[in-house]
Amino acid sequence: MNTLSMSYLQEFISAHTGLSVGDKDLRTTVTSRMKDLGFSHVDEYCRFLETDTHESKDEWKQLCQIITTGESFFFRDKGQFHLIRNTILNNIIDANKDRRSIRIWSAGCSTGEEPYSMAITVLELLPDINHWDVSIIGTDINADSIEKARRGVFSDWSFRMVDPDIIATYFKRRRGMYELDERIVRMVVFRQGNLIRDSYPDASAGIFDIDLIICRNVFIYFQPENIALALGKLSKTLSRGGYLITGHAELQSVKLPGLVPVTYPQSIVYRRLIDRPEAEQPTPQSTVIFSPAKQISTINVGKNVKLDRPASTPHKTLEAKAAASGGKAKGSYGQSSGDGLFLEAQSLFKEGRYSLVIEKTTKFIKDNPRHYGAHVLMAQAYANTGDLRRAADACAGAIGVASMKIEPYYMLAHIAEEQGKTEDAREMFKRVIYLDANCVAAHIELSAIYERDGDVKRAVKLKESAVAILEGLPAERAIEFYDDVTAGELLAHLKKSFRRRANDWQSS
């Protein structure tokens, strides 16, 4: 298959699905599919896909299974779910209390963990739910994922960030799997859906006048023109004043048709305009970088594989490590006084009250200039308010206190990536690895940078190093900077996800 044919096929698939697929993945997949179907040329295969037949529809199903990811888990991104539960849904419930109706659409729902998480949340927020008209719809382009979602049966991998009380209340363990409570299963309707080819709003499918649309980690696979097309449909499908939640930083520098960005501590959310003209839309503020249990971004580490990169609390991540290192540090990090102020700042950070965190840590550092944890906490808070310059300054302060600790360099790498400074991010990740050769997160994330830059040899070497490090750790060991993921879980996921990609690289 020559380069021209490959480019045509990529454009063809993008036009029909919105998905942007890499050369090597697509070449391997389509070559195999064409051979099975007896086609010699790409244009023959594309003409077949364009026909309105049972066979062509089945082929699209087969193709979408291969080129889309099924990666999901319950209550993914605790920061956003905290926002949904404690702010957005409460706002919707209050606004709709007279008509007692809630309509939610999970667009790109994969195997159903996200819409089921929403159903559990709604059930817990509405003690009189039987008196409400609750509609929760999940759609995905992958028909197999939809079928799995309808069954409501999940493996351990779907629960790696879930409160044990939730599991005990809503799931039953059977034959090594978890079966979801039938009450929750009945609350969600699943349909196969294509954001590019299908028309929305769609009254026949019940997808109209939606109060909350969740469309996370979908646009990262879309070409810019398809993002604009899908956003227009989502905007029209929202109710007046309805909410749209996407993955972090997915819509930076994207025109928002009829939507107003609203910044919360946990995430930017988009609301449909009510009476305000588009010209009066406010400029989006910077996305939160270090919120509790937040996914900073996704790592392009293989064929449509996404891994979380949480940067802080809960778990023993930046804030906890900072507290352990500097909370009552004496000796080389200096005396500390007024520890209550620092503990108060930590509590405020967990609540997302970053301005107050900055105020408290500023006062604390005046009396305790060599308190490592306070400098790290201040850096996180500044980053979350969008003040990346002061966040970097605070990281420098932490380095001045403890230059051999990796957390500030790791934070600086993410700040650099947020600013589009790839070279700076690369150097900071290198510094992390120099200081701690066993930092798995830095190996994986530096590998992702090299992959994007086309340096296949270095990317593969770093991924192999990450696997080797994980193989030497106890399976239950928590992985630094990766929230609630153990060494065994990450190793299994990496081996499964990277094997094919690494073979493609090494043979190219």
Protein backbone atom coordinates (compact mmCIF):
# COMPACT_ATOMS: atom_id res chain seq x y z
CA MET A 1 0.00 0.00 0.00
CA ASN A 2 1.67 3.22 -1.13
CA THR A 3 1.69 6.57 0.68
CA LEU A 4 -0.98 8.09 -1.58
CA SER A 5 -3.35 5.17 -0.96
CA MET A 6 -2.73 5.41 2.77
CA SER A 7 -3.48 9.14 2.84
CA TYR A 8 -6.70 8.58 0.89
CA LEU A 9 -7.79 5.82 3.27
CA GLN A 10 -7.03 7.95 6.34
CA GLU A 11 -9.13 10.80 4.93
CA PHE A 12 -11.92 8.38 4.01
CA ILE A 13 -12.10 6.87 7.52
CA SER A 14 -11.84 10.31 9.15
CA ALA A 15 -14.71 11.61 7.02
CA HIS A 16 -16.92 8.70 8.09
CA THR A 17 -15.96 8.33 11.74
CA GLY A 18 -14.08 11.49 12.72
CA LEU A 19 -11.16 9.34 13.87
CA SER A 20 -7.57 10.12 12.99
CA VAL A 21 -5.65 6.83 12.73
CA GLY A 22 -1.87 6.42 12.54
CA ASP A 23 -0.18 5.05 9.42
CA LYS A 24 1.27 1.85 10.84
CA ASP A 25 -1.83 0.80 12.77
CA LEU A 26 -4.07 1.46 9.79
CA ARG A 27 -1.74 -0.16 7.26
CA THR A 28 -1.58 -3.41 9.25
CA THR A 29 -5.32 -3.47 9.91
CA VAL A 30 -6.52 -2.66 6.41
CA THR A 31 -4.02 -4.93 4.66
CA SER A 32 -5.38 -7.82 6.72
CA ARG A 33 -9.02 -6.85 6.14
CA MET A 34 -8.52 -6.42 2.36
CA LYS A 35 -6.87 -9.83 2.14
CA ASP A 36 -9.76 -11.47 4.00
CA LEU A 37 -12.29 -9.78 1.70
CA GLY A 38 -10.36 -10.43 -1.53
CA PHE A 39 -9.64 -6.78 -2.44
CA SER A 40 -6.38 -5.82 -4.16
CA HIS A 41 -6.67 -2.03 -4.08
CA VAL A 42 -7.65 0.52 -1.44
CA ASP A 43 -10.21 2.22 -3.69
CA GLU A 44 -12.05 -1.11 -4.08
CA TYR A 45 -12.17 -1.47 -0.30
CA CYS A 46 -13.45 2.09 0.15
CA ARG A 47 -16.15 1.64 -2.51
CA PHE A 48 -17.26 -1.49 -0.67
CA LEU A 49 -17.46 0.42 2.61
CA GLU A 50 -19.61 3.08 0.96
CA THR A 51 -22.28 0.58 -0.13
CA ASP A 52 -25.43 0.32 1.96
CA THR A 53 -25.35 -3.44 2.52
CA HIS A 54 -25.32 -5.78 5.48
CA GLU A 55 -21.78 -6.83 4.53
CA SER A 56 -20.43 -3.27 4.44
CA LYS A 57 -22.07 -2.44 7.77
CA ASP A 58 -20.49 -5.53 9.29
CA GLU A 59 -17.11 -4.46 7.89
CA TRP A 60 -17.46 -1.01 9.46
CA LYS A 61 -18.22 -2.79 12.72
CA GLN A 62 -15.07 -4.90 12.37
CA LEU A 63 -12.97 -1.87 11.44
CA CYS A 64 -14.24 0.28 14.31
CA GLN A 65 -13.52 -2.51 16.78
CA ILE A 66 -9.87 -2.41 15.77
CA ILE A 67 -9.26 1.33 15.48
CA THR A 68 -11.12 2.47 18.61
CA THR A 69 -10.15 2.04 22.23
CA GLY A 70 -12.25 0.31 24.86
CA GLU A 71 -10.34 1.85 27.78
CA SER A 72 -12.62 3.06 30.55
CA PHE A 73 -13.33 2.62 34.25
CA PHE A 74 -15.91 3.66 36.80
CA PHE A 75 -15.80 7.23 38.13
CA ARG A 76 -12.84 8.07 35.91
CA ASP A 77 -11.28 11.41 36.81
CA LYS A 78 -12.34 11.96 40.41
CA GLY A 79 -11.93 15.71 40.06
CA GLN A 80 -14.52 15.95 37.30
CA PHE A 81 -16.88 13.54 39.02
CA HIS A 82 -16.64 15.60 42.20
CA LEU A 83 -17.64 18.62 40.12
CA ILE A 84 -20.49 16.72 38.45
CA ARG A 85 -21.89 15.36 41.70
CA ASN A 86 -21.49 18.39 43.94
CA THR A 87 -22.11 21.25 41.53
CA ILE A 88 -23.43 20.46 38.07
CA LEU A 89 -26.05 17.84 38.91
CA ASN A 90 -27.21 19.86 41.91
CA ASN A 91 -27.64 22.87 39.61
CA ILE A 92 -29.60 20.78 37.12
CA ILE A 93 -31.79 19.26 39.82
CA ASP A 94 -32.56 22.71 41.24
CA ALA A 95 -33.32 24.19 37.79
CA ASN A 96 -35.54 21.25 36.81
CA LYS A 97 -37.33 20.70 40.15
CA ASP A 98 -40.68 21.82 38.77
CA ARG A 99 -40.74 19.50 35.78
CA ARG A 100 -38.70 16.78 37.57
CA SER A 101 -36.67 15.75 34.57
CA ILE A 102 -32.96 15.04 34.01
CA ARG A 103 -31.46 14.12 30.65
CA ILE A 104 -27.83 12.95 30.37
CA TRP A 105 -25.88 11.75 27.32
CA SER A 106 -22.52 9.98 27.50
CA ALA A 107 -21.14 10.41 23.96
CA GLY A 108 -18.28 7.98 23.36
CA CYS A 109 -19.25 5.79 26.32
CA SER A 110 -17.03 2.80 25.45
CA THR A 111 -18.13 -0.23 27.52
CA GLY A 112 -20.52 1.74 29.73
CA GLU A 113 -18.60 2.56 32.89
CA GLU A 114 -19.16 6.31 32.48
CA PRO A 115 -22.97 6.37 32.01
CA TYR A 116 -23.38 3.75 34.73
CA SER A 117 -21.28 5.94 37.04
CA MET A 118 -23.68 8.77 36.24
CA ALA A 119 -26.67 6.55 37.01
CA ILE A 120 -25.24 5.64 40.42
CA THR A 121 -24.59 9.31 41.15
CA VAL A 122 -28.09 10.41 40.13
CA LEU A 123 -29.66 7.63 42.20
CA GLU A 124 -27.74 8.78 45.27
CA LEU A 125 -28.65 12.44 44.73
CA LEU A 126 -32.36 11.81 44.21
CA PRO A 127 -33.97 10.00 47.15
CA ASP A 128 -37.34 10.44 45.40
CA ILE A 129 -36.01 9.28 42.02
CA ASN A 130 -39.25 7.39 41.27
CA HIS A 131 -40.95 10.78 40.97
CA TRP A 132 -38.42 11.99 38.38
CA ASP A 133 -38.11 11.33 34.66
CA VAL A 134 -34.43 10.35 34.40
CA SER A 135 -32.98 9.62 30.94
CA ILE A 136 -29.34 8.48 30.66
CA ILE A 137 -28.11 7.49 27.20
CA GLY A 138 -24.73 6.07 26.22
CA THR A 139 -23.52 5.99 22.62
CA ASP A 140 -20.34 4.71 21.01
CA ILE A 141 -19.23 4.01 17.46
CA ASN A 142 -17.97 0.55 18.49
CA ALA A 143 -20.90 -1.90 18.38
CA ASP A 144 -19.05 -4.52 20.45
CA SER A 145 -18.46 -1.98 23.22
CA ILE A 146 -22.18 -1.18 23.25
CA GLU A 147 -23.07 -4.86 23.58
CA LYS A 148 -20.65 -5.25 26.49
CA ALA A 149 -22.11 -2.15 28.12
CA ARG A 150 -25.64 -3.54 27.93
CA ARG A 151 -24.59 -6.70 29.76
CA GLY A 152 -23.44 -4.72 32.80
CA VAL A 153 -20.65 -7.18 33.68
CA PHE A 154 -17.15 -5.87 34.36
CA SER A 155 -13.64 -7.05 35.27
CA ASP A 156 -11.35 -5.82 38.05
CA TRP A 157 -9.73 -3.33 35.63
CA SER A 158 -12.93 -1.26 35.58
CA PHE A 159 -12.72 -0.60 39.34
CA ARG A 160 -9.19 0.67 39.90
CA MET A 161 -10.36 4.04 41.25
CA VAL A 162 -13.65 3.05 42.90
CA ASP A 163 -14.62 3.35 46.56
CA PRO A 164 -15.09 -0.18 48.00
CA ASP A 165 -18.45 0.92 49.41
CA ILE A 166 -19.69 1.63 45.88
CA ILE A 167 -18.64 -1.85 44.76
CA ALA A 168 -20.29 -3.49 47.78
CA THR A 169 -23.53 -1.55 47.27
CA TYR A 170 -24.03 -1.81 43.52
CA PHE A 171 -22.15 -4.91 42.33
CA LYS A 172 -22.15 -8.67 42.92
CA ARG A 173 -19.03 -10.78 42.47
CA ARG A 174 -19.70 -13.78 40.23
CA ARG A 175 -17.26 -16.06 38.44
CA GLY A 176 -14.42 -13.61 38.76
CA MET A 177 -16.46 -10.69 37.35
CA TYR A 178 -18.66 -7.93 38.78
CA GLU A 179 -22.36 -7.81 37.88
CA LEU A 180 -24.00 -4.41 38.16
CA ASP A 181 -27.22 -4.02 40.13
CA GLU A 182 -30.20 -4.39 37.80
CA ARG A 183 -31.63 -1.07 39.06
CA ILE A 184 -28.63 0.75 37.58
CA VAL A 185 -28.60 -1.28 34.36
CA ARG A 186 -32.24 -0.33 33.71
CA MET A 187 -31.46 3.38 34.14
CA VAL A 188 -29.20 3.53 31.06
CA VAL A 189 -30.08 3.07 27.38
CA PHE A 190 -27.21 2.23 25.00
CA ARG A 191 -27.12 2.88 21.28
CA GLN A 192 -24.47 2.70 18.60
CA GLY A 193 -23.77 6.26 17.49
CA ASN A 194 -21.45 8.17 15.16
CA LEU A 195 -20.86 11.83 16.01
CA ILE A 196 -19.81 12.59 12.44
CA ARG A 197 -22.31 10.68 10.28
CA ASP A 198 -25.40 10.75 12.52
CA SER A 199 -27.73 13.73 12.89
CA TYR A 200 -28.07 15.34 16.31
CA PRO A 201 -30.31 16.27 18.00
CA ASP A 202 -32.16 13.01 17.29
CA ALA A 203 -35.64 12.87 18.77
CA SER A 204 -36.20 9.29 17.61
CA ALA A 205 -33.23 8.14 19.70
CA GLY A 206 -34.19 10.31 22.68
CA ILE A 207 -31.06 12.44 22.21
CA PHE A 208 -32.39 15.98 22.42
CA ASP A 209 -32.80 18.74 25.00
CA ILE A 210 -29.95 17.22 27.04
CA ASP A 211 -29.05 18.76 30.42
CA LEU A 212 -25.54 17.26 30.58
CA ILE A 213 -23.38 15.82 27.80
CA ILE A 214 -20.18 14.03 28.76
CA CYS A 215 -17.84 13.59 25.80
CA ARG A 216 -14.42 12.90 27.28
CA ASN A 217 -11.28 11.72 25.50
CA VAL A 218 -13.08 11.60 22.16
CA PHE A 219 -11.83 14.75 20.45
CA ILE A 220 -8.19 13.76 20.92
CA TYR A 221 -8.74 11.31 18.04
CA PHE A 222 -10.53 13.82 15.78
CA GLN A 223 -9.24 16.05 13.02
CA PRO A 224 -9.93 19.79 13.65
CA GLU A 225 -12.71 19.99 11.08
CA ASN A 226 -14.45 17.00 12.66
CA ILE A 227 -14.15 18.52 16.14
CA ALA A 228 -15.97 21.60 14.84
CA LEU A 229 -18.65 19.45 13.19
CA ALA A 230 -19.25 17.35 16.32
CA LEU A 231 -19.24 20.39 18.62
CA GLY A 232 -21.94 22.04 16.54
CA LYS A 233 -24.15 18.98 16.95
CA LEU A 234 -23.50 18.69 20.67
CA SER A 235 -24.27 22.36 21.21
CA LYS A 236 -27.61 22.07 19.41
CA THR A 237 -28.47 18.94 21.40
CA LEU A 238 -28.01 20.66 24.77
CA SER A 239 -30.96 22.22 26.56
CA ARG A 240 -30.78 25.98 27.10
CA GLY A 241 -28.09 26.45 29.74
CA GLY A 242 -27.11 22.75 29.48
CA TYR A 243 -23.59 21.54 30.30
CA LEU A 244 -20.90 19.89 28.15
CA ILE A 245 -17.88 18.23 29.79
CA THR A 246 -14.90 17.10 27.72
CA GLY A 247 -11.47 15.75 28.58
CA HIS A 248 -8.98 18.22 30.02
CA ALA A 249 -7.48 20.59 27.43
CA GLU A 250 -9.28 18.85 24.52
CA LEU A 251 -10.86 22.08 23.29
CA GLN A 252 -8.00 24.54 23.69
CA SER A 253 -7.90 27.01 20.77
CA VAL A 254 -11.14 25.56 19.38
CA LYS A 255 -14.04 27.81 18.41
CA LEU A 256 -17.06 27.04 20.58
CA PRO A 257 -20.30 27.45 18.61
CA GLY A 258 -23.00 28.66 20.97
CA LEU A 259 -21.08 27.57 24.08
CA VAL A 260 -19.69 29.53 27.02
CA PRO A 261 -16.64 28.15 28.87
CA VAL A 262 -17.00 28.21 32.65
CA THR A 263 -13.94 27.51 34.82
CA TYR A 264 -14.27 25.48 38.01
CA PRO A 265 -11.35 24.37 40.20
CA GLN A 266 -11.62 20.82 38.86
CA SER A 267 -12.21 21.48 35.17
CA ILE A 268 -13.46 23.79 32.45
CA VAL A 269 -17.11 23.11 31.57
CA TYR A 270 -19.03 24.45 28.58
CA ARG A 271 -22.62 25.73 28.78
CA ARG A 272 -25.05 26.39 25.98
CA LEU A 273 -25.82 30.07 25.51
CA ILE A 274 -29.21 31.20 26.75
CA ASP A 275 -29.62 34.84 25.76
CA ARG A 276 -26.04 36.00 25.28
CA PRO A 277 -24.74 36.49 21.73
CA GLU A 278 -21.70 34.51 20.70
CA ALA A 279 -19.61 37.67 20.44
CA GLU A 280 -19.91 38.13 24.20
CA GLN A 281 -18.50 34.73 25.10
CA PRO A 282 -15.80 35.05 27.78
CA THR A 283 -12.29 33.89 27.03
CA PRO A 284 -11.57 30.48 28.60
CA GLN A 285 -9.20 30.54 31.54
CA SER A 286 -6.30 28.13 31.76
CA THR A 287 -7.13 24.52 32.49
CA VAL A 288 -6.39 23.10 35.91
CA ILE A 289 -3.05 21.31 35.95
CA PHE A 290 -2.70 19.82 39.40
CA SER A 291 -6.19 19.28 40.85
CA PRO A 292 -6.88 16.33 43.15
CA ALA A 293 -7.02 13.04 41.24
CA LYS A 294 -6.97 14.89 37.96
CA GLN A 295 -5.90 13.51 34.62
CA ILE A 296 -3.50 16.08 33.20
CA SER A 297 -3.59 14.63 29.74
CA THR A 298 -3.32 11.31 27.96
CA ILE A 299 -0.20 9.59 26.76
CA ASN A 300 -0.05 8.42 23.16
CA VAL A 301 1.76 5.22 24.00
CA GLY A 302 0.32 2.80 21.54
CA LYS A 303 -2.60 1.93 19.35
CA ASN A 304 -5.38 4.07 20.74
CA VAL A 305 -4.26 3.45 24.33
CA LYS A 306 -4.86 6.10 26.96
CA LEU A 307 -3.26 6.05 30.39
CA ASP A 308 -4.07 8.42 33.21
CA ARG A 309 -1.40 10.83 34.38
CA PRO A 310 -2.65 12.16 37.71
CA ALA A 311 -0.36 14.73 39.21
CA SER A 312 -1.52 14.94 42.78
CA THR A 313 -3.81 13.90 45.59
CA PRO A 314 -5.15 11.58 46.80
CA HIS A 315 -2.57 8.76 47.06
CA LYS A 316 1.10 9.32 47.80
CA THR A 317 1.61 11.78 44.99
CA LEU A 318 2.99 15.30 44.96
CA GLU A 319 1.03 16.83 47.82
CA ALA A 320 1.38 13.82 50.11
CA LYS A 321 5.08 13.43 49.36
CA ALA A 322 5.60 17.12 49.90
CA ALA A 323 3.92 16.92 53.27
CA ALA A 324 5.99 13.90 54.23
CA SER A 325 9.18 15.62 53.16
CA GLY A 326 8.52 19.02 54.62
CA GLY A 327 5.64 18.85 57.08
CA LYS A 328 7.81 18.85 60.17
CA ALA A 329 11.19 18.91 58.57
CA LYS A 330 14.18 19.87 60.60
CA GLY A 331 17.86 19.38 59.92
CA SER A 332 18.78 19.93 56.29
CA TYR A 333 15.38 21.45 55.39
CA GLY A 334 15.35 23.85 58.33
CA GLN A 335 13.04 24.37 61.31
CA SER A 336 9.31 24.83 60.71
CA SER A 337 6.85 26.83 62.74
CA GLY A 338 3.11 27.27 62.43
CA ASP A 339 2.54 23.78 61.02
CA GLY A 340 -1.18 24.27 61.53
CA LEU A 341 -1.15 26.87 58.76
CA PHE A 342 0.46 24.41 56.37
CA LEU A 343 -2.02 21.67 57.27
CA GLU A 344 -4.84 24.15 56.69
CA ALA A 345 -3.41 24.93 53.25
CA GLN A 346 -3.34 21.22 52.42
CA SER A 347 -7.00 20.87 53.38
CA LEU A 348 -7.93 23.90 51.29
CA PHE A 349 -6.10 22.42 48.31
CA LYS A 350 -8.18 19.25 48.50
CA GLU A 351 -11.28 21.45 48.45
CA GLY A 352 -10.04 23.23 45.32
CA ARG A 353 -9.72 26.62 47.05
CA TYR A 354 -6.45 27.51 45.40
CA SER A 355 -6.40 31.26 46.05
CA LEU A 356 -6.59 30.60 49.77
CA VAL A 357 -3.89 27.93 49.44
CA ILE A 358 -1.60 30.53 47.87
CA GLU A 359 -2.42 33.00 50.65
CA LYS A 360 -1.70 30.46 53.41
CA THR A 361 1.48 29.03 51.88
CA THR A 362 2.83 32.52 51.19
CA LYS A 363 2.45 33.41 54.87
CA PHE A 364 3.87 30.06 55.95
CA ILE A 365 6.94 30.30 53.71
CA LYS A 366 7.80 33.74 55.12
CA ASP A 367 8.47 32.05 58.46
CA ASN A 368 9.64 28.74 56.98
CA PRO A 369 11.54 29.58 53.77
CA ARG A 370 13.16 26.13 53.62
CA HIS A 371 9.95 24.12 53.95
CA TYR A 372 10.01 21.93 50.86
CA GLY A 373 6.37 20.81 51.08
CA ALA A 374 5.04 24.36 51.21
CA HIS A 375 6.89 25.36 48.03
CA VAL A 376 5.50 22.29 46.21
CA LEU A 377 1.96 22.97 47.42
CA MET A 378 2.21 26.60 46.35
CA ALA A 379 3.41 25.51 42.90
CA GLN A 380 0.42 23.21 42.51
CA ALA A 381 -2.01 25.91 43.57
CA TYR A 382 -0.55 28.52 41.21
CA ALA A 383 -0.69 26.05 38.34
CA ASN A 384 -4.35 25.38 39.03
CA THR A 385 -5.19 29.07 38.86
CA GLY A 386 -3.50 29.25 35.46
CA ASP A 387 -0.51 31.26 36.69
CA LEU A 388 2.14 29.00 35.22
CA ARG A 389 4.94 31.55 35.64
CA ARG A 390 4.47 31.73 39.40
CA ALA A 391 3.98 27.95 39.50
CA ALA A 392 7.39 27.55 37.89
CA ASP A 393 8.85 30.06 40.35
CA ALA A 394 7.49 28.02 43.25
CA CYS A 395 9.00 24.88 41.75
CA ALA A 396 12.32 26.72 41.64
CA GLY A 397 11.84 27.53 45.33
CA ALA A 398 11.32 23.84 46.10
CA ILE A 399 14.43 22.94 44.10
CA GLY A 400 16.38 25.54 46.06
CA VAL A 401 15.44 23.70 49.25
CA ALA A 402 15.90 20.13 47.99
CA SER A 403 17.53 19.99 44.57
CA MET A 404 17.68 16.20 44.45
CA LYS A 405 13.93 15.61 44.81
CA ILE A 406 12.07 14.79 41.62
CA GLU A 407 8.61 16.28 42.24
CA PRO A 408 9.40 19.89 41.20
CA TYR A 409 11.08 18.74 37.98
CA TYR A 410 8.10 16.50 37.20
CA MET A 411 5.77 19.45 37.73
CA LEU A 412 7.95 21.69 35.56
CA ALA A 413 7.78 19.10 32.79
CA HIS A 414 3.99 19.22 32.85
CA ILE A 415 3.95 23.00 33.00
CA ALA A 416 6.23 23.09 29.96
CA GLU A 417 3.94 20.69 28.08
CA GLU A 418 0.92 22.84 28.97
CA GLN A 419 2.77 25.82 27.48
CA GLY A 420 3.72 23.90 24.35
CA LYS A 421 7.43 23.94 25.24
CA THR A 422 8.26 20.38 24.22
CA GLU A 423 12.03 20.78 24.46
CA ASP A 424 11.79 22.09 28.04
CA ALA A 425 9.44 19.25 28.98
CA ARG A 426 11.88 16.73 27.53
CA GLU A 427 14.76 18.14 29.54
CA MET A 428 12.76 18.12 32.78
CA PHE A 429 11.74 14.48 32.32
CA LYS A 430 15.39 13.65 31.64
CA ARG A 431 16.29 15.38 34.90
CA VAL A 432 13.71 13.28 36.74
CA ILE A 433 15.21 10.08 35.31
CA TYR A 434 18.74 11.25 36.16
CA LEU A 435 17.68 11.76 39.80
CA ASP A 436 15.56 8.62 39.96
CA ALA A 437 16.30 6.05 37.27
CA ASN A 438 13.33 3.96 38.43
CA CYS A 439 10.65 6.63 37.91
CA VAL A 440 8.24 4.74 35.63
CA ALA A 441 6.06 7.77 34.88
CA ALA A 442 8.98 9.81 33.55
CA HIS A 443 10.13 6.96 31.28
CA ILE A 444 6.65 6.54 29.78
CA GLU A 445 5.99 10.24 29.34
CA LEU A 446 9.41 11.03 27.88
CA SER A 447 8.88 8.12 25.50
CA ALA A 448 5.61 9.72 24.38
CA ILE A 449 7.43 12.95 23.56
CA TYR A 450 10.04 11.11 21.50
CA GLU A 451 7.30 9.20 19.70
CA ARG A 452 5.54 12.42 18.74
CA ASP A 453 8.86 13.77 17.50
CA GLY A 454 9.43 10.68 15.35
CA ASP A 455 12.42 9.41 17.35
CA VAL A 456 11.29 5.78 17.37
CA LYS A 457 14.52 4.30 18.71
CA ARG A 458 14.52 6.38 21.90
CA ALA A 459 10.77 5.94 22.38
CA VAL A 460 11.03 2.14 22.25
CA LYS A 461 14.08 2.08 24.54
CA LEU A 462 12.31 4.15 27.20
CA LYS A 463 9.20 1.97 27.08
CA GLU A 464 11.32 -1.15 27.42
CA SER A 465 13.01 0.44 30.44
CA ALA A 466 9.62 1.15 32.01
CA VAL A 467 8.57 -2.47 31.56
CA ALA A 468 11.87 -3.70 33.03
CA ILE A 469 11.43 -1.49 36.11
CA LEU A 470 7.86 -2.69 36.64
CA GLU A 471 8.94 -6.33 36.31
CA GLY A 472 11.28 -5.80 39.25
CA LEU A 473 8.59 -4.36 41.55
CA PRO A 474 6.06 -6.18 43.72
CA ALA A 475 2.78 -6.41 41.84
CA GLU A 476 0.89 -4.52 44.56
CA ARG A 477 3.35 -1.59 44.68
CA ALA A 478 1.73 1.79 44.01
CA ILE A 479 3.26 3.72 41.10
CA GLU A 480 4.42 7.24 41.82
CA PHE A 481 2.41 9.95 40.02
CA TYR A 482 -0.11 7.38 38.69
CA ASP A 483 -3.13 7.48 40.96
CA ASP A 484 -4.45 4.15 42.26
CA VAL A 485 -2.54 2.05 39.72
CA THR A 486 -0.32 -0.79 40.94
CA ALA A 487 2.86 -2.08 39.34
CA GLY A 488 1.16 -5.32 38.35
CA GLU A 489 -1.79 -3.56 36.73
CA LEU A 490 0.39 -1.13 34.82
CA LEU A 491 2.81 -3.85 33.69
CA ALA A 492 0.01 -6.03 32.33
CA HIS A 493 -1.56 -3.05 30.59
CA LEU A 494 1.72 -1.88 29.08
CA LYS A 495 2.69 -5.30 27.79
CA LYS A 496 -0.69 -5.83 26.21
CA SER A 497 -0.92 -2.34 24.76
CA PHE A 498 2.66 -1.79 23.62
CA ARG A 499 3.55 -5.16 22.13
CA ARG A 500 2.06 -4.56 18.72
CA ARG A 501 3.20 -0.93 18.56
CA ALA A 502 6.77 -1.82 19.52
CA ASN A 503 6.89 -4.55 16.86
CA ASP A 504 5.69 -2.06 14.26
CA TRP A 505 8.39 0.42 15.31
CA GLN A 506 11.20 -2.14 15.26
CA SER A 507 10.20 -3.42 11.83
CA SER A 508 9.94 0.05 10.30
